[in-house]
């Protein structure tokens, strides 16, 4: 198995330290967040190889000396900073907390969207319902609530979603347009970013977004502001409730969409598309699979993010192992014609056709 998951890598002493990191993980996370947001990591970054004393750091940030010293001590135990004599220095972990975009996006998403709700994870796991979502309001899933979330939660949600999906769009686009589509259905079109990418890159293509009414409304504003309303339109639909779909598209595109559903729901959606699409149309799926990541950090991020789906989003979906989606496609009557890994940040593009 990849990433060394087929053995136990720790000595007993190492394992007990790792266990304490888990035991105190909520506190360590909040300390790391405050080290970043208080300006302490930036101050140490600016100090460079000279480092800085606690007194110098106290003068450079707006929190008091007690808070500075406490955060620095926790930073030492978390390996975020290190100390030589009286001077503190930014460690490699601290550097990535401060500068790495993926880490910042993940951290903001964890804090603003997931943190409070994760207290209800046990209930969510038992009931297969996103019970943590109640910290924001009374919704059955997060998707119709996106436009109504608090600003920080909404901004961090879209930043998280776009960071992972957008990174692969340009590379995926090169493959999609070798198929010469005239009409694309963007299933789960979200804010319309893929549709706009298509319209900007091909002056002849038409795109129709298929999504919930609330998401269509958000996307239509973005599309109108960009000046593409003549070639991008929306079809409001709940794919779990409808029995029919329009069938004009050459390509049915789904980007990080199927991970929002349970396996049974994925099979239902794919079967619905199968039964409504033209015989020669193709289904193109851009997904992130935890088993296809080039680095373990990607697999860790995806498996941890799956808890968001459990507790906050819908209660029954996740970022899947690739074999799960292959099985769902087979059961819905499709086969995978092309399988392309490592697009963007560890995305996989599946180009699928109806079984003969």
Protein backbone atom coordinates (compact mmCIF):
# COMPACT_ATOMS: atom_id res chain seq x y z
CA UNK A 1 0.00 0.00 0.00
CA UNK A 2 1.19 3.52 -0.74
CA UNK A 3 2.50 6.01 1.85
CA UNK A 4 3.75 3.22 4.13
CA UNK A 5 0.25 2.46 5.42
CA UNK A 6 1.02 -1.27 5.49
CA UNK A 7 3.25 -1.09 8.60
CA UNK A 8 3.63 0.69 11.94
CA UNK A 9 6.55 3.15 11.55
CA UNK A 10 6.96 4.28 15.19
CA UNK A 11 8.98 3.10 18.15
CA UNK A 12 7.07 2.97 21.43
CA UNK A 13 8.52 6.32 22.56
CA UNK A 14 7.67 7.94 19.21
CA UNK A 15 4.18 6.48 19.31
CA UNK A 16 3.36 7.93 22.73
CA UNK A 17 4.43 11.38 21.51
CA UNK A 18 2.22 10.99 18.45
CA UNK A 19 -0.65 9.92 20.70
CA UNK A 20 -0.28 13.10 22.77
CA UNK A 21 -0.39 15.20 19.59
CA UNK A 22 -3.75 13.62 18.83
CA UNK A 23 -4.98 13.96 22.42
CA UNK A 24 -4.27 17.70 22.38
CA UNK A 25 -4.91 18.28 18.67
CA UNK A 26 -7.73 20.83 19.12
CA UNK A 27 -5.56 22.96 21.44
CA UNK A 28 -2.50 22.66 19.20
CA UNK A 29 -4.54 23.67 16.16
CA UNK A 30 -5.85 26.79 17.87
CA UNK A 31 -2.38 27.68 19.09
CA UNK A 32 -0.97 27.32 15.57
CA UNK A 33 -3.79 29.45 14.19
CA UNK A 34 -3.04 32.17 16.74
CA UNK A 35 0.68 31.99 16.09
CA UNK A 36 -0.14 32.70 12.45
CA UNK A 37 -2.89 35.28 12.91
CA UNK A 38 -1.21 37.22 15.73
CA UNK A 39 1.73 38.01 13.47
CA UNK A 40 4.26 36.00 15.46
CA UNK A 41 5.13 33.71 12.55
CA UNK A 42 5.49 36.70 10.24
CA UNK A 43 7.74 38.43 12.76
CA UNK A 44 9.97 35.38 13.00
CA UNK A 45 9.95 35.08 9.22
CA UNK A 46 11.15 38.68 8.94
CA UNK A 47 13.83 38.05 11.57
CA UNK A 48 15.29 35.34 9.33
CA UNK A 49 18.54 33.70 10.38
CA UNK A 50 19.04 36.23 13.19
CA UNK A 51 15.91 35.07 14.99
CA UNK A 52 14.23 37.15 17.67
CA UNK A 53 13.97 37.19 21.45
CA UNK A 54 10.60 36.98 23.17
CA UNK A 55 10.96 40.65 24.15
CA UNK A 56 11.55 41.65 20.53
CA UNK A 57 8.54 39.66 19.42
CA UNK A 58 6.35 41.23 22.12
CA UNK A 59 7.22 44.64 20.70
CA UNK A 60 6.27 43.58 17.17
CA UNK A 61 2.78 42.14 17.77
CA UNK A 62 -0.38 43.37 19.44
CA UNK A 63 -0.84 40.57 21.98
CA UNK A 64 0.57 40.73 25.53
CA UNK A 65 3.77 39.17 26.80
CA UNK A 66 1.95 36.31 28.54
CA UNK A 67 0.24 35.33 25.26
CA UNK A 68 3.46 35.61 23.26
CA UNK A 69 5.47 33.42 25.61
CA UNK A 70 2.71 30.82 25.89
CA UNK A 71 2.25 30.57 22.12
CA UNK A 72 6.00 30.32 21.62
CA UNK A 73 6.25 27.45 24.11
CA UNK A 74 3.44 25.57 22.40
CA UNK A 75 5.10 26.38 19.08
CA UNK A 76 8.26 24.67 20.31
CA UNK A 77 6.38 21.51 21.25
CA UNK A 78 4.57 21.57 17.90
CA UNK A 79 7.88 22.01 16.03
CA UNK A 80 6.51 25.21 14.49
CA UNK A 81 9.38 27.26 15.91
CA UNK A 82 12.72 26.37 17.46
CA UNK A 83 14.95 28.10 20.00
CA UNK A 84 18.67 28.66 20.35
CA UNK A 85 19.67 30.40 23.55
CA UNK A 86 17.26 33.30 24.02
CA UNK A 87 16.38 33.59 20.35
CA UNK A 88 13.46 31.97 18.52
CA UNK A 89 13.43 30.98 14.87
CA UNK A 90 10.77 29.99 12.36
CA UNK A 91 10.87 26.25 11.70
CA UNK A 92 10.00 24.55 8.43
CA UNK A 93 6.53 23.69 9.72
CA UNK A 94 6.01 27.33 10.65
CA UNK A 95 7.19 28.39 7.20
CA UNK A 96 4.52 26.27 5.52
CA UNK A 97 1.83 27.38 7.97
CA UNK A 98 2.66 30.94 6.96
CA UNK A 99 3.44 30.67 3.24
CA UNK A 100 1.96 27.48 1.77
CA UNK A 101 -1.36 28.23 0.09
CA UNK A 102 -2.73 24.71 0.49
CA UNK A 103 -1.98 24.75 4.20
CA UNK A 104 -3.60 28.17 4.64
CA UNK A 105 -6.71 27.16 2.71
CA UNK A 106 -7.02 23.93 4.69
CA UNK A 107 -6.48 25.70 8.00
CA UNK A 108 -9.05 28.43 7.30
CA UNK A 109 -11.55 25.81 6.14
CA UNK A 110 -11.00 23.77 9.30
CA UNK A 111 -11.42 26.83 11.53
CA UNK A 112 -14.26 28.70 9.81
CA UNK A 113 -16.34 25.83 8.43
CA UNK A 114 -15.62 22.69 10.42
CA UNK A 115 -14.22 23.40 13.88
CA UNK A 116 -17.34 24.06 15.92
CA UNK A 117 -19.41 21.44 14.16
CA UNK A 118 -16.83 18.68 14.58
CA UNK A 119 -17.85 18.41 18.23
CA UNK A 120 -20.90 16.56 16.86
CA UNK A 121 -18.95 14.03 14.77
CA UNK A 122 -19.95 11.03 16.90
CA UNK A 123 -23.64 11.82 16.34
CA UNK A 124 -23.03 12.34 12.62
CA UNK A 125 -21.25 9.00 12.29
CA UNK A 126 -24.05 7.17 14.07
CA UNK A 127 -26.93 8.85 12.25
CA UNK A 128 -25.40 9.49 8.81
CA UNK A 129 -26.62 13.08 9.11
CA UNK A 130 -24.52 16.30 9.07
CA UNK A 131 -25.36 17.09 12.68
CA UNK A 132 -22.52 19.60 12.98
CA UNK A 133 -24.24 21.87 10.47
CA UNK A 134 -26.65 22.99 13.20
CA UNK A 135 -23.98 25.41 14.45
CA UNK A 136 -24.86 27.51 11.38
CA UNK A 137 -28.59 26.87 11.03
CA UNK A 138 -31.33 24.37 10.30
CA UNK A 139 -30.52 22.72 6.96
CA UNK A 140 -30.45 19.08 5.88
CA UNK A 141 -27.25 19.60 3.86
CA UNK A 142 -24.78 22.47 3.50
CA UNK A 143 -25.29 23.04 -0.23
CA UNK A 144 -28.48 25.13 -0.21
CA UNK A 145 -27.05 26.99 2.80
CA UNK A 146 -23.83 28.21 1.16
CA UNK A 147 -25.15 31.64 0.24
CA UNK A 148 -26.42 32.12 3.81
CA UNK A 149 -23.38 31.03 5.81
CA UNK A 150 -21.49 33.64 7.87
CA UNK A 151 -18.99 35.55 5.76
CA UNK A 152 -15.89 33.81 7.12
CA UNK A 153 -17.40 30.34 6.66
CA UNK A 154 -18.69 31.11 3.17
CA UNK A 155 -15.41 32.66 2.05
CA UNK A 156 -13.34 29.80 3.43
CA UNK A 157 -15.67 27.19 1.91
CA UNK A 158 -15.37 28.65 -1.58
CA UNK A 159 -11.62 29.22 -1.19
CA UNK A 160 -11.22 25.54 -0.25
CA UNK A 161 -13.46 24.32 -3.07
CA UNK A 162 -11.89 26.52 -5.74
CA UNK A 163 -8.30 25.91 -4.64
CA UNK A 164 -8.53 22.21 -5.34
CA UNK A 165 -10.80 22.22 -8.38
CA UNK A 166 -9.42 25.29 -10.19
CA UNK A 167 -5.86 24.00 -10.09
CA UNK A 168 -6.75 21.24 -12.54
CA UNK A 169 -9.10 23.14 -14.85
CA UNK A 170 -6.56 24.33 -17.41
CA UNK A 171 -4.91 20.92 -17.69
CA UNK A 172 -8.25 19.11 -17.88
CA UNK A 173 -9.45 21.58 -20.49
CA UNK A 174 -6.75 20.40 -22.91
CA UNK A 175 -8.13 16.86 -22.79
CA UNK A 176 -11.79 17.82 -22.92
CA UNK A 177 -11.51 19.97 -25.98
CA UNK A 178 -9.77 17.30 -28.02
CA UNK A 179 -13.25 15.76 -27.90
CA UNK A 180 -14.64 18.78 -29.83
CA UNK A 181 -17.77 19.38 -27.74
CA UNK A 182 -20.41 21.81 -28.95
CA UNK A 183 -22.56 21.65 -25.82
CA UNK A 184 -21.37 20.79 -22.31
CA UNK A 185 -23.53 20.09 -19.28
CA UNK A 186 -21.68 21.25 -16.17
CA UNK A 187 -23.29 19.02 -13.54
CA UNK A 188 -22.93 20.61 -10.12
CA UNK A 189 -21.66 23.82 -11.71
CA UNK A 190 -21.22 25.61 -8.39
CA UNK A 191 -20.20 29.24 -9.06
CA UNK A 192 -19.71 28.70 -12.79
CA UNK A 193 -15.90 28.72 -12.87
CA UNK A 194 -15.56 25.71 -15.18
CA UNK A 195 -18.28 27.03 -17.47
CA UNK A 196 -16.45 30.36 -17.72
CA UNK A 197 -13.16 28.57 -18.37
CA UNK A 198 -14.81 26.75 -21.29
CA UNK A 199 -16.50 29.84 -22.71
CA UNK A 200 -13.32 31.90 -22.55
CA UNK A 201 -11.28 29.18 -24.23
CA UNK A 202 -13.70 28.21 -27.03
CA UNK A 203 -15.79 30.92 -28.71
CA UNK A 204 -18.30 28.41 -30.06
CA UNK A 205 -19.03 26.11 -27.14
CA UNK A 206 -22.29 26.35 -25.17
CA UNK A 207 -22.45 25.37 -21.51
CA UNK A 208 -25.49 24.57 -19.39
CA UNK A 209 -25.16 24.34 -15.61
CA UNK A 210 -27.21 21.67 -13.86
CA UNK A 211 -27.41 22.41 -10.14
CA UNK A 212 -29.69 23.35 -7.25
CA UNK A 213 -31.65 26.60 -7.73
CA UNK A 214 -29.64 28.43 -5.08
CA UNK A 215 -26.36 27.57 -6.80
CA UNK A 216 -27.72 28.47 -10.24
CA UNK A 217 -28.60 31.92 -8.91
CA UNK A 218 -25.04 32.45 -7.62
CA UNK A 219 -23.51 31.24 -10.86
CA UNK A 220 -25.77 33.30 -13.11
CA UNK A 221 -24.61 36.51 -11.45
CA UNK A 222 -20.95 35.58 -11.96
CA UNK A 223 -21.61 34.62 -15.56
CA UNK A 224 -23.50 37.83 -16.28
CA UNK A 225 -20.73 39.91 -14.69
CA UNK A 226 -18.23 38.16 -16.96
CA UNK A 227 -20.38 38.82 -20.04
CA UNK A 228 -21.08 35.22 -21.06
CA UNK A 229 -24.82 34.91 -20.47
CA UNK A 230 -25.34 34.39 -24.21
CA UNK A 231 -23.46 31.06 -24.15
CA UNK A 232 -23.85 29.86 -20.56
CA UNK A 233 -27.26 29.16 -19.07
CA UNK A 234 -28.61 27.25 -16.10
CA UNK A 235 -31.04 24.41 -15.56
CA UNK A 236 -32.16 24.22 -11.92
CA UNK A 237 -32.57 20.62 -10.80
CA UNK A 238 -32.23 18.35 -7.78
CA UNK A 239 -30.54 15.27 -9.20
CA UNK A 240 -31.71 13.15 -6.29
CA UNK A 241 -35.37 14.06 -6.82
CA UNK A 242 -35.86 14.33 -10.59
CA UNK A 243 -36.59 11.45 -12.94
CA UNK A 244 -35.52 13.14 -16.17
CA UNK A 245 -32.85 15.49 -17.48
CA UNK A 246 -32.29 17.39 -20.72
CA UNK A 247 -30.21 15.36 -23.15
CA UNK A 248 -28.57 17.70 -25.66
CA UNK A 249 -24.99 17.70 -24.38
CA UNK A 250 -21.98 16.12 -26.07
CA UNK A 251 -20.15 16.04 -22.73
CA UNK A 252 -21.51 15.70 -19.20
CA UNK A 253 -18.86 17.28 -16.97
CA UNK A 254 -18.57 16.74 -13.22
CA UNK A 255 -15.77 18.34 -11.18
CA UNK A 256 -15.47 17.29 -7.53
CA UNK A 257 -19.20 16.69 -7.62
CA UNK A 258 -19.72 13.00 -6.99
CA UNK A 259 -17.76 13.15 -3.74
CA UNK A 260 -20.74 15.09 -2.38
CA UNK A 261 -22.89 11.94 -2.43
CA UNK A 262 -23.07 8.45 -0.95
CA UNK A 263 -22.22 5.47 -3.13
CA UNK A 264 -25.90 4.66 -3.62
CA UNK A 265 -26.60 8.26 -4.63
CA UNK A 266 -23.63 8.29 -7.03
CA UNK A 267 -25.00 5.21 -8.78
CA UNK A 268 -28.44 6.87 -8.94
CA UNK A 269 -27.02 10.08 -10.48
CA UNK A 270 -24.84 8.22 -12.98
CA UNK A 271 -27.75 5.97 -13.96
CA UNK A 272 -29.97 9.03 -14.43
CA UNK A 273 -27.36 10.57 -16.73
CA UNK A 274 -26.88 7.26 -18.54
CA UNK A 275 -30.59 7.03 -19.27
CA UNK A 276 -30.90 10.63 -20.52
CA UNK A 277 -27.68 11.22 -22.46
CA UNK A 278 -27.20 10.85 -26.21
CA UNK A 279 -25.73 7.47 -27.24
CA UNK A 280 -22.46 9.03 -28.41
CA UNK A 281 -22.10 11.54 -25.54
CA UNK A 282 -19.33 11.18 -22.97
CA UNK A 283 -19.17 11.63 -19.22
CA UNK A 284 -16.02 13.39 -17.97
CA UNK A 285 -15.34 13.22 -14.24
CA UNK A 286 -12.62 15.26 -12.52
CA UNK A 287 -12.09 13.93 -9.01
CA UNK A 288 -9.50 13.64 -6.27
CA UNK A 289 -8.94 10.12 -4.97
CA UNK A 290 -6.95 9.67 -1.80
CA UNK A 291 -5.17 6.58 -3.18
CA UNK A 292 -3.98 8.45 -6.32
CA UNK A 293 -2.15 11.31 -4.57
CA UNK A 294 1.53 11.74 -5.48
CA UNK A 295 2.42 12.69 -1.88
CA UNK A 296 1.14 11.55 1.50
CA UNK A 297 0.18 15.13 2.42
CA UNK A 298 -2.50 14.90 -0.26
CA UNK A 299 -3.87 11.61 1.03
CA UNK A 300 -3.93 12.99 4.59
CA UNK A 301 -5.73 16.16 3.46
CA UNK A 302 -8.39 14.20 1.60
CA UNK A 303 -9.06 11.64 4.33
CA UNK A 304 -9.28 14.40 6.95
CA UNK A 305 -11.53 16.49 4.70
CA UNK A 306 -13.87 13.54 4.36
CA UNK A 307 -14.90 14.16 7.97
CA UNK A 308 -16.29 17.51 6.77
CA UNK A 309 -18.69 15.64 4.49
CA UNK A 310 -19.72 13.43 7.41
CA UNK A 311 -20.28 16.14 9.99
CA UNK A 312 -21.03 19.33 8.05
CA UNK A 313 -22.02 18.67 4.44
CA UNK A 314 -24.40 15.73 4.08
CA UNK A 315 -23.54 12.94 6.48
CA UNK A 316 -22.86 10.20 3.95
CA UNK A 317 -20.16 11.10 1.41
CA UNK A 318 -16.39 11.48 1.26
CA UNK A 319 -13.31 11.67 -0.94
CA UNK A 320 -13.30 8.11 -2.21
CA UNK A 321 -10.74 5.47 -3.09
CA UNK A 322 -10.67 5.28 -6.90
CA UNK A 323 -11.94 1.69 -6.96
CA UNK A 324 -15.22 2.87 -5.39
CA UNK A 325 -16.02 5.23 -8.26
CA UNK A 326 -14.99 2.64 -10.83
CA UNK A 327 -17.49 0.26 -9.24
CA UNK A 328 -20.23 2.91 -9.28
CA UNK A 329 -19.58 3.63 -12.97
CA UNK A 330 -19.77 -0.06 -13.82
CA UNK A 331 -23.07 -0.47 -11.97
CA UNK A 332 -24.52 2.56 -13.79
CA UNK A 333 -23.63 1.14 -17.21
CA UNK A 334 -20.38 2.98 -18.01
CA UNK A 335 -16.80 2.05 -18.76
CA UNK A 336 -13.71 4.25 -18.42
CA UNK A 337 -12.14 5.00 -21.79
CA UNK A 338 -9.37 7.29 -20.46
CA UNK A 339 -7.87 7.55 -16.98
CA UNK A 340 -5.48 10.48 -16.49
CA UNK A 341 -3.78 11.08 -13.12
CA UNK A 342 -1.88 13.99 -11.56
CA UNK A 343 -3.72 16.93 -13.06
CA UNK A 344 -3.44 20.07 -10.94
CA UNK A 345 -3.12 19.10 -7.27
CA UNK A 346 -3.53 15.35 -7.56
CA UNK A 347 -6.71 15.26 -9.66
CA UNK A 348 -7.76 12.37 -11.88
CA UNK A 349 -9.78 12.80 -15.07
CA UNK A 350 -12.00 9.91 -16.12
CA UNK A 351 -13.49 9.97 -19.63
CA UNK A 352 -16.38 7.53 -19.67
CA UNK A 353 -18.77 6.07 -22.23
CA UNK A 354 -21.84 3.90 -22.15
CA UNK A 355 -21.12 0.19 -22.20
CA UNK A 356 -21.84 -1.27 -25.65
